[in-house]
N, C-alpha and C. Protein backbone atom coordinates (compact mmCIF):
# COMPACT_ATOMS: atom_id res chain seq x y z
N MET A 1 34.73 10.74 14.61
CA MET A 1 35.07 9.55 13.86
C MET A 1 34.52 8.34 14.61
N VAL A 2 33.81 7.48 13.88
CA VAL A 2 33.24 6.27 14.47
C VAL A 2 34.32 5.21 14.61
N ALA A 3 34.98 4.92 13.51
CA ALA A 3 36.06 3.93 13.51
C ALA A 3 36.94 4.22 12.31
N PRO A 4 38.20 3.91 12.38
CA PRO A 4 39.08 4.15 11.23
C PRO A 4 38.62 3.33 10.02
N GLY A 5 38.57 3.97 8.86
CA GLY A 5 38.20 3.28 7.63
C GLY A 5 36.72 3.26 7.35
N ILE A 6 35.90 3.86 8.19
CA ILE A 6 34.45 3.90 7.98
C ILE A 6 34.09 5.21 7.27
N ASN A 7 33.36 5.07 6.15
CA ASN A 7 32.91 6.25 5.42
C ASN A 7 31.54 6.64 5.97
N GLY A 8 31.46 7.79 6.60
CA GLY A 8 30.22 8.22 7.24
C GLY A 8 29.32 9.04 6.34
N LYS A 9 29.66 9.17 5.07
CA LYS A 9 28.84 9.99 4.16
C LYS A 9 27.59 9.21 3.75
N MET A 10 26.52 9.96 3.54
CA MET A 10 25.26 9.36 3.09
C MET A 10 25.32 9.11 1.59
N SER A 11 24.88 7.95 1.15
CA SER A 11 24.84 7.65 -0.28
C SER A 11 23.67 8.38 -0.94
N GLU A 12 23.69 8.48 -2.25
CA GLU A 12 22.59 9.12 -2.97
C GLU A 12 21.28 8.37 -2.74
N PHE A 13 21.35 7.05 -2.70
CA PHE A 13 20.16 6.24 -2.46
C PHE A 13 19.54 6.57 -1.10
N ASN A 14 20.37 6.61 -0.06
CA ASN A 14 19.86 6.90 1.28
C ASN A 14 19.28 8.31 1.36
N ALA A 15 19.89 9.26 0.66
CA ALA A 15 19.38 10.62 0.64
C ALA A 15 18.01 10.67 -0.04
N ALA A 16 17.87 9.96 -1.16
CA ALA A 16 16.60 9.93 -1.88
C ALA A 16 15.52 9.24 -1.04
N LEU A 17 15.89 8.19 -0.35
CA LEU A 17 14.95 7.49 0.52
C LEU A 17 14.48 8.41 1.64
N GLY A 18 15.39 9.18 2.20
CA GLY A 18 15.03 10.12 3.25
C GLY A 18 14.05 11.17 2.76
N LEU A 19 14.22 11.63 1.52
CA LEU A 19 13.30 12.61 0.95
C LEU A 19 11.91 12.00 0.77
N GLN A 20 11.84 10.74 0.35
CA GLN A 20 10.56 10.07 0.17
C GLN A 20 9.84 9.87 1.50
N LEU A 21 10.59 9.58 2.55
CA LEU A 21 9.98 9.31 3.85
C LEU A 21 9.33 10.55 4.45
N LYS A 22 9.74 11.74 3.99
CA LYS A 22 9.11 12.96 4.48
C LYS A 22 7.63 12.99 4.14
N HIS A 23 7.25 12.33 3.04
CA HIS A 23 5.88 12.39 2.55
C HIS A 23 5.12 11.08 2.75
N ILE A 24 5.66 10.16 3.53
CA ILE A 24 5.07 8.83 3.65
C ILE A 24 3.68 8.86 4.29
N ASP A 25 3.48 9.71 5.29
CA ASP A 25 2.16 9.75 5.96
C ASP A 25 1.07 10.22 5.00
N ALA A 26 1.37 11.23 4.20
CA ALA A 26 0.39 11.72 3.22
C ALA A 26 0.12 10.66 2.16
N ALA A 27 1.16 9.97 1.70
CA ALA A 27 0.99 8.93 0.69
C ALA A 27 0.15 7.77 1.23
N LEU A 28 0.37 7.38 2.47
CA LEU A 28 -0.40 6.28 3.06
C LEU A 28 -1.85 6.69 3.29
N ALA A 29 -2.08 7.94 3.67
CA ALA A 29 -3.45 8.42 3.86
C ALA A 29 -4.20 8.42 2.53
N ARG A 30 -3.53 8.84 1.46
CA ARG A 30 -4.15 8.86 0.13
C ARG A 30 -4.46 7.44 -0.32
N ARG A 31 -3.54 6.54 -0.08
CA ARG A 31 -3.74 5.13 -0.46
C ARG A 31 -4.94 4.54 0.28
N LYS A 32 -5.12 4.91 1.55
CA LYS A 32 -6.27 4.45 2.33
C LYS A 32 -7.56 5.02 1.76
N GLN A 33 -7.55 6.29 1.35
CA GLN A 33 -8.74 6.90 0.75
C GLN A 33 -9.14 6.16 -0.53
N ILE A 34 -8.16 5.84 -1.35
CA ILE A 34 -8.43 5.13 -2.60
C ILE A 34 -9.00 3.75 -2.31
N SER A 35 -8.42 3.07 -1.33
CA SER A 35 -8.91 1.75 -0.94
C SER A 35 -10.36 1.82 -0.47
N ASP A 36 -10.68 2.84 0.31
CA ASP A 36 -12.06 3.01 0.81
C ASP A 36 -13.04 3.25 -0.33
N VAL A 37 -12.63 4.03 -1.32
CA VAL A 37 -13.50 4.30 -2.48
C VAL A 37 -13.80 3.00 -3.22
N TYR A 38 -12.78 2.19 -3.46
CA TYR A 38 -12.98 0.91 -4.14
C TYR A 38 -13.87 -0.01 -3.32
N ARG A 39 -13.63 -0.08 -2.02
CA ARG A 39 -14.44 -0.95 -1.16
C ARG A 39 -15.91 -0.55 -1.22
N GLN A 40 -16.17 0.75 -1.15
CA GLN A 40 -17.55 1.23 -1.17
C GLN A 40 -18.20 0.96 -2.53
N ALA A 41 -17.45 1.20 -3.62
CA ALA A 41 -18.00 1.04 -4.96
C ALA A 41 -18.27 -0.43 -5.30
N LEU A 42 -17.45 -1.34 -4.78
CA LEU A 42 -17.58 -2.75 -5.14
C LEU A 42 -18.39 -3.56 -4.13
N HIS A 43 -18.77 -2.94 -3.03
CA HIS A 43 -19.43 -3.65 -1.94
C HIS A 43 -20.69 -4.38 -2.38
N ASP A 44 -21.51 -3.73 -3.20
CA ASP A 44 -22.80 -4.31 -3.59
C ASP A 44 -22.80 -4.91 -4.99
N VAL A 45 -21.65 -5.08 -5.59
CA VAL A 45 -21.59 -5.65 -6.94
C VAL A 45 -21.77 -7.17 -6.83
N ARG A 46 -22.76 -7.68 -7.54
CA ARG A 46 -23.05 -9.12 -7.52
C ARG A 46 -21.88 -9.89 -8.11
N GLY A 47 -21.47 -10.94 -7.43
CA GLY A 47 -20.38 -11.78 -7.92
C GLY A 47 -19.01 -11.37 -7.43
N ILE A 48 -18.95 -10.29 -6.68
CA ILE A 48 -17.66 -9.85 -6.12
C ILE A 48 -17.79 -9.81 -4.61
N ARG A 49 -16.83 -10.41 -3.96
CA ARG A 49 -16.77 -10.36 -2.50
C ARG A 49 -15.52 -9.59 -2.13
N VAL A 50 -15.70 -8.45 -1.50
CA VAL A 50 -14.57 -7.62 -1.09
C VAL A 50 -14.11 -8.12 0.27
N LEU A 51 -12.86 -8.49 0.36
CA LEU A 51 -12.33 -9.00 1.62
C LEU A 51 -12.25 -7.87 2.63
N PRO A 52 -12.45 -8.17 3.90
CA PRO A 52 -12.44 -7.12 4.92
C PRO A 52 -11.07 -6.46 5.05
N ASP A 53 -11.11 -5.20 5.42
CA ASP A 53 -9.88 -4.44 5.66
C ASP A 53 -9.21 -5.01 6.90
N ALA A 54 -7.96 -5.35 6.79
CA ALA A 54 -7.23 -5.95 7.91
C ALA A 54 -6.81 -4.91 8.94
N GLY A 55 -7.08 -3.63 8.66
CA GLY A 55 -6.70 -2.59 9.60
C GLY A 55 -5.23 -2.25 9.54
N SER A 56 -4.56 -2.70 8.52
CA SER A 56 -3.14 -2.45 8.36
C SER A 56 -2.91 -0.99 8.00
N ARG A 57 -1.75 -0.51 8.31
CA ARG A 57 -1.38 0.84 7.90
C ARG A 57 -1.14 0.89 6.40
N PHE A 58 -0.92 -0.25 5.81
CA PHE A 58 -0.70 -0.37 4.38
C PHE A 58 -1.87 -1.13 3.77
N PRO A 59 -2.95 -0.43 3.41
CA PRO A 59 -4.14 -1.13 2.92
C PRO A 59 -3.86 -1.90 1.63
N ILE A 60 -4.34 -3.11 1.59
CA ILE A 60 -4.20 -3.95 0.41
C ILE A 60 -5.61 -4.25 -0.08
N MET A 61 -5.85 -4.01 -1.35
CA MET A 61 -7.16 -4.25 -1.93
C MET A 61 -7.16 -5.66 -2.50
N ALA A 62 -7.97 -6.51 -1.94
CA ALA A 62 -8.09 -7.88 -2.44
C ALA A 62 -9.55 -8.14 -2.76
N ILE A 63 -9.80 -8.58 -3.97
CA ILE A 63 -11.16 -8.90 -4.39
C ILE A 63 -11.20 -10.37 -4.74
N SER A 64 -12.17 -11.06 -4.19
CA SER A 64 -12.31 -12.49 -4.43
C SER A 64 -13.64 -12.74 -5.11
N PRO A 65 -13.65 -13.42 -6.27
CA PRO A 65 -14.93 -13.72 -6.91
C PRO A 65 -15.76 -14.63 -6.01
N SER A 66 -17.05 -14.31 -5.87
CA SER A 66 -17.93 -15.12 -5.03
C SER A 66 -18.18 -16.49 -5.63
N SER A 67 -18.33 -16.52 -6.94
CA SER A 67 -18.55 -17.79 -7.61
C SER A 67 -17.87 -17.74 -8.96
N CYS A 68 -17.28 -18.84 -9.33
CA CYS A 68 -16.60 -18.93 -10.61
C CYS A 68 -17.34 -19.94 -11.48
N ARG A 69 -17.54 -19.59 -12.70
CA ARG A 69 -18.20 -20.49 -13.64
C ARG A 69 -17.36 -20.53 -14.91
N MET A 70 -17.07 -21.71 -15.35
CA MET A 70 -16.26 -21.88 -16.55
C MET A 70 -17.10 -21.58 -17.78
N ILE A 71 -16.61 -20.74 -18.62
CA ILE A 71 -17.32 -20.41 -19.86
C ILE A 71 -16.73 -21.25 -20.97
N THR A 72 -17.56 -22.03 -21.63
CA THR A 72 -17.07 -22.90 -22.72
C THR A 72 -17.73 -22.55 -24.03
């Protein structure tokens, strides 16, 4: 017993979160693969500037237009 009145049981949410964390490394590796595919495919596209990979464990794909022109 930790302290009187403390419920030490795991909630359903915490149990589900624990199950998801078992697969987090595989999910992050797959996300990195997808990010690399997009970076490679968009690297030479005229008018698109692919921002450099920040080296984060959580890759974020950010695309910035090189030039914007208003179409009227």
